[in-house]
Amino acid sequence: MAERRTLTQGLKETPPPIDNAKEKAFVFGDKESPKPAAPVVAAATLNRVPISTRIRDDFARALKRASLERQLEGREPNTLQDILEEAIEPWLKANGYLS
């Protein structure tokens, strides 16, 4: 086992030779071999605004349960927001509020 020394002694002593290329690759990431970029999907930009409303307790519990189960199963939509938007959209279209 190596002889124990203080931190200041260890810092003062000459370290083993360091490969500068490996050091830079470790610190800054390997820039020379970039990771393949994820495909860019052109999506319509949706602006979301907060709204506040109250719903029945049983609806809230069922909605939360559906959200959590869908997240565990990896199914979409699985967020409260996405589920609500998907449920409200047909009503708005059917009643002439959306085209």
Protein backbone atom coordinates (compact mmCIF):
# COMPACT_ATOMS: atom_id res chain seq x y z
CA MET A 1 0.00 0.00 0.00
CA ALA A 2 1.25 3.49 -0.85
CA GLU A 3 2.50 5.72 1.92
CA ARG A 4 -0.15 8.17 3.13
CA ARG A 5 0.50 11.85 2.61
CA THR A 6 -1.33 15.09 3.15
CA LEU A 7 -3.37 16.66 0.38
CA THR A 8 -0.95 19.56 0.02
CA GLN A 9 1.97 17.14 -0.37
CA GLY A 10 0.06 15.25 -3.04
CA LEU A 11 -0.69 18.43 -4.93
CA LYS A 12 2.90 19.67 -4.74
CA GLU A 13 4.43 16.49 -6.09
CA THR A 14 4.75 16.06 -9.84
CA PRO A 15 1.77 14.14 -11.20
CA PRO A 16 2.21 11.41 -13.80
CA PRO A 17 2.20 12.61 -17.41
CA ILE A 18 -1.30 13.51 -18.58
CA ASP A 19 -2.50 13.02 -22.14
CA ASN A 20 -3.94 16.44 -23.00
CA ALA A 21 -6.27 15.00 -25.67
CA LYS A 22 -7.81 12.56 -23.19
CA GLU A 23 -8.10 15.29 -20.57
CA LYS A 24 -9.95 17.61 -22.97
CA ALA A 25 -12.21 14.78 -24.15
CA PHE A 26 -13.10 14.01 -20.54
CA VAL A 27 -13.67 17.62 -19.49
CA PHE A 28 -15.40 18.97 -22.58
CA GLY A 29 -16.92 15.80 -23.97
CA ASP A 30 -15.83 14.07 -27.13
CA LYS A 31 -16.53 16.80 -29.71
CA GLU A 32 -14.81 14.94 -32.52
CA SER A 33 -17.33 12.11 -32.67
CA PRO A 34 -20.71 13.80 -32.26
CA LYS A 35 -23.66 11.72 -31.26
CA PRO A 36 -26.29 11.30 -33.93
CA ALA A 37 -28.84 14.06 -33.63
CA ALA A 38 -32.43 13.18 -32.96
CA PRO A 39 -34.62 13.66 -36.00
CA VAL A 40 -36.19 17.09 -36.06
CA VAL A 41 -39.94 16.91 -36.26
CA ALA A 42 -41.71 20.01 -37.46
CA ALA A 43 -44.51 20.55 -34.99
CA ALA A 44 -46.96 23.37 -34.75
CA THR A 45 -46.08 25.70 -31.93
CA LEU A 46 -48.78 25.62 -29.30
CA ASN A 47 -49.10 28.47 -26.89
CA ARG A 48 -50.54 27.30 -23.63
CA VAL A 49 -52.21 29.54 -21.10
CA PRO A 50 -53.13 28.65 -17.54
CA ILE A 51 -56.78 28.27 -16.66
CA SER A 52 -58.35 27.47 -13.36
CA THR A 53 -61.51 25.48 -12.83
CA ARG A 54 -63.08 23.06 -10.43
CA ILE A 55 -64.31 19.59 -11.34
CA ARG A 56 -66.08 16.84 -9.48
CA ASP A 57 -63.97 14.88 -7.02
CA ASP A 58 -64.67 11.53 -8.73
CA PHE A 59 -63.63 13.00 -12.12
CA ALA A 60 -60.39 14.34 -10.62
CA ARG A 61 -59.52 10.99 -9.01
CA ALA A 62 -60.33 9.04 -12.19
CA LEU A 63 -58.31 11.48 -14.31
CA LYS A 64 -55.29 11.23 -12.01
CA ARG A 65 -55.51 7.44 -11.94
CA ALA A 66 -55.75 7.28 -15.75
CA SER A 67 -52.75 9.58 -16.04
CA LEU A 68 -50.58 7.53 -13.67
CA GLU A 69 -51.55 4.18 -15.20
CA ARG A 70 -50.88 5.45 -18.73
CA GLN A 71 -47.48 6.79 -17.64
CA LEU A 72 -46.56 3.40 -16.19
CA GLU A 73 -47.68 1.67 -19.39
CA GLY A 74 -45.87 4.21 -21.58
CA ARG A 75 -49.06 5.16 -23.41
CA GLU A 76 -49.88 8.61 -24.79
CA PRO A 77 -51.52 10.85 -23.81
CA ASN A 78 -50.49 10.39 -20.23
CA THR A 79 -50.37 13.85 -18.69
CA LEU A 80 -53.42 15.51 -17.17
CA GLN A 81 -53.03 18.38 -19.58
CA ASP A 82 -52.84 16.20 -22.69
CA ILE A 83 -55.76 14.01 -21.61
CA LEU A 84 -57.93 17.06 -20.92
CA GLU A 85 -57.01 18.68 -24.24
CA GLU A 86 -57.85 15.49 -26.12
CA ALA A 87 -61.20 15.22 -24.32
CA ILE A 88 -62.20 18.87 -24.79
CA GLU A 89 -61.23 19.23 -28.46
CA PRO A 90 -64.13 17.12 -29.92
CA TRP A 91 -66.69 19.07 -27.89
CA LEU A 92 -65.30 22.42 -29.08
CA LYS A 93 -65.32 21.22 -32.70
CA ALA A 94 -68.82 19.74 -32.49
CA ASN A 95 -70.22 22.97 -31.10
CA GLY A 96 -68.50 25.18 -33.66
CA TYR A 97 -65.85 26.76 -31.42
CA LEU A 98 -62.92 25.21 -33.30
CA SER A 99 -62.54 24.60 -36.98
